[in-house]
Amino acid sequence: MITLNPIGVAYNERNEIEDDYWGKVVSKIILDDSLPEDSLSGIESFSHVEIIFYFHKVDQAKIITGARHPRNDVKLPKAGIFSQRGKNRPNQLGLTTARVI
């Protein structure tokens, strides 16, 4: 058991929850006000940061533990859920990089 304490939230204009076509979506990350002001000290010297996030809107009934067709496209061969970028993974965690602006 691992307990995660969120330190912020991400916002964007996208309304549909799907695995693909995020390339043009711009999200804004708002950090929790309780973080010390110096927690971001020096971050401007980096071009990107790594963001670990929780897929909190995934329907628990749709969690996949084995293999599936990527993008639910039956023309693609099945691959294990951890070999894909799908959101329906057992731990509901994702990783991305973001530009520092």
Protein backbone atom coordinates (compact mmCIF):
# COMPACT_ATOMS: atom_id res chain seq x y z
CA MET A 1 0.00 0.00 0.00
CA ILE A 2 1.32 3.41 -0.99
CA THR A 3 -0.35 6.63 0.04
CA LEU A 4 0.07 9.63 -2.26
CA ASN A 5 -0.54 13.17 -1.17
CA PRO A 6 -1.26 15.48 -4.11
CA ILE A 7 0.81 18.65 -4.26
CA GLY A 8 -1.19 20.25 -7.04
CA VAL A 9 -3.77 19.86 -9.76
CA ALA A 10 -3.67 20.12 -13.55
CA TYR A 11 -6.23 22.02 -15.60
CA ASN A 12 -6.90 22.07 -19.34
CA GLU A 13 -9.77 22.68 -21.73
CA ARG A 14 -10.21 19.04 -22.80
CA ASN A 15 -13.57 17.50 -21.86
CA GLU A 16 -13.25 13.96 -23.24
CA ILE A 17 -11.33 11.32 -21.34
CA GLU A 18 -9.35 9.26 -23.85
CA ASP A 19 -5.84 7.92 -24.24
CA ASP A 20 -4.87 9.65 -27.48
CA TYR A 21 -4.48 13.03 -29.14
CA TRP A 22 -3.03 15.01 -26.25
CA GLY A 23 -0.23 16.56 -28.34
CA LYS A 24 -1.88 19.96 -28.77
CA VAL A 25 -3.46 20.15 -25.31
CA VAL A 26 -1.88 22.69 -22.96
CA SER A 27 -2.37 22.00 -19.27
CA LYS A 28 -1.63 24.33 -16.39
CA ILE A 29 -0.37 22.89 -13.11
CA ILE A 30 -1.41 24.71 -9.96
CA LEU A 31 0.67 23.77 -6.92
CA ASP A 32 -0.81 23.60 -3.45
CA ASP A 33 -0.54 26.84 -1.46
CA SER A 34 0.81 24.92 1.54
CA LEU A 35 4.14 24.22 -0.22
CA PRO A 36 7.02 26.39 0.96
CA GLU A 37 7.80 29.24 -1.41
CA ASP A 38 11.36 27.97 -1.90
CA SER A 39 10.21 24.49 -3.01
CA LEU A 40 10.65 25.61 -6.64
CA SER A 41 13.90 27.48 -6.07
CA GLY A 42 16.21 26.94 -9.06
CA ILE A 43 13.59 25.27 -11.27
CA GLU A 44 14.07 27.96 -13.92
CA SER A 45 17.47 26.47 -14.71
CA PHE A 46 15.76 23.36 -16.11
CA SER A 47 13.99 23.14 -19.46
CA HIS A 48 11.58 20.36 -18.37
CA VAL A 49 10.24 18.69 -15.25
CA GLU A 50 8.83 15.21 -14.78
CA ILE A 51 5.24 15.01 -13.58
CA ILE A 52 3.80 11.90 -11.93
CA PHE A 53 0.04 12.04 -11.97
CA TYR A 54 -2.97 10.01 -10.87
CA PHE A 55 -5.71 9.09 -13.36
CA HIS A 56 -8.47 9.97 -10.89
CA LYS A 57 -11.30 9.90 -13.46
CA VAL A 58 -10.74 6.30 -14.61
CA ASP A 59 -13.78 4.09 -14.09
CA GLN A 60 -12.66 1.32 -11.71
CA ALA A 61 -14.69 -1.20 -13.71
CA LYS A 62 -12.47 -0.49 -16.75
CA ILE A 63 -9.10 -1.17 -15.07
CA ILE A 64 -7.01 -3.59 -17.19
CA THR A 65 -4.48 -5.90 -15.56
CA GLY A 66 -3.50 -7.97 -18.61
CA ALA A 67 -3.25 -7.32 -22.33
CA ARG A 68 -5.53 -5.36 -24.62
CA HIS A 69 -5.47 -3.93 -28.12
CA PRO A 70 -3.70 -0.54 -27.93
CA ARG A 71 -6.17 2.29 -28.43
CA ASN A 72 -8.84 -0.45 -28.38
CA ASP A 73 -8.03 -0.94 -32.06
CA VAL A 74 -8.47 -4.64 -32.94
CA LYS A 75 -6.18 -4.14 -35.95
CA LEU A 76 -3.28 -3.69 -33.50
CA PRO A 77 -1.91 -6.77 -31.72
CA LYS A 78 -2.66 -7.08 -28.02
CA ALA A 79 0.00 -5.74 -25.68
CA GLY A 80 0.27 -5.74 -21.88
CA ILE A 81 -1.22 -2.70 -20.17
CA PHE A 82 2.27 -1.66 -18.94
CA SER A 83 3.55 -1.75 -22.52
CA GLN A 84 1.09 0.98 -23.47
CA ARG A 85 0.33 4.56 -22.57
CA GLY A 86 -3.29 3.76 -21.66
CA LYS A 87 -4.95 5.29 -18.63
CA ASN A 88 -6.72 2.13 -17.42
CA ARG A 89 -3.72 0.70 -15.58
CA PRO A 90 -4.00 -0.96 -12.15
CA ASN A 91 -2.05 1.70 -10.24
CA GLN A 92 -3.69 4.60 -12.16
CA LEU A 93 -0.33 6.44 -12.33
CA GLY A 94 1.07 8.24 -15.34
CA LEU A 95 4.34 10.02 -16.08
CA THR A 96 5.00 12.88 -18.44
CA THR A 97 7.51 15.64 -18.98
CA ALA A 98 6.53 19.29 -19.11
CA ARG A 99 8.31 22.44 -20.17
CA VAL A 100 9.19 24.91 -17.46
CA ILE A 101 7.70 28.32 -18.30
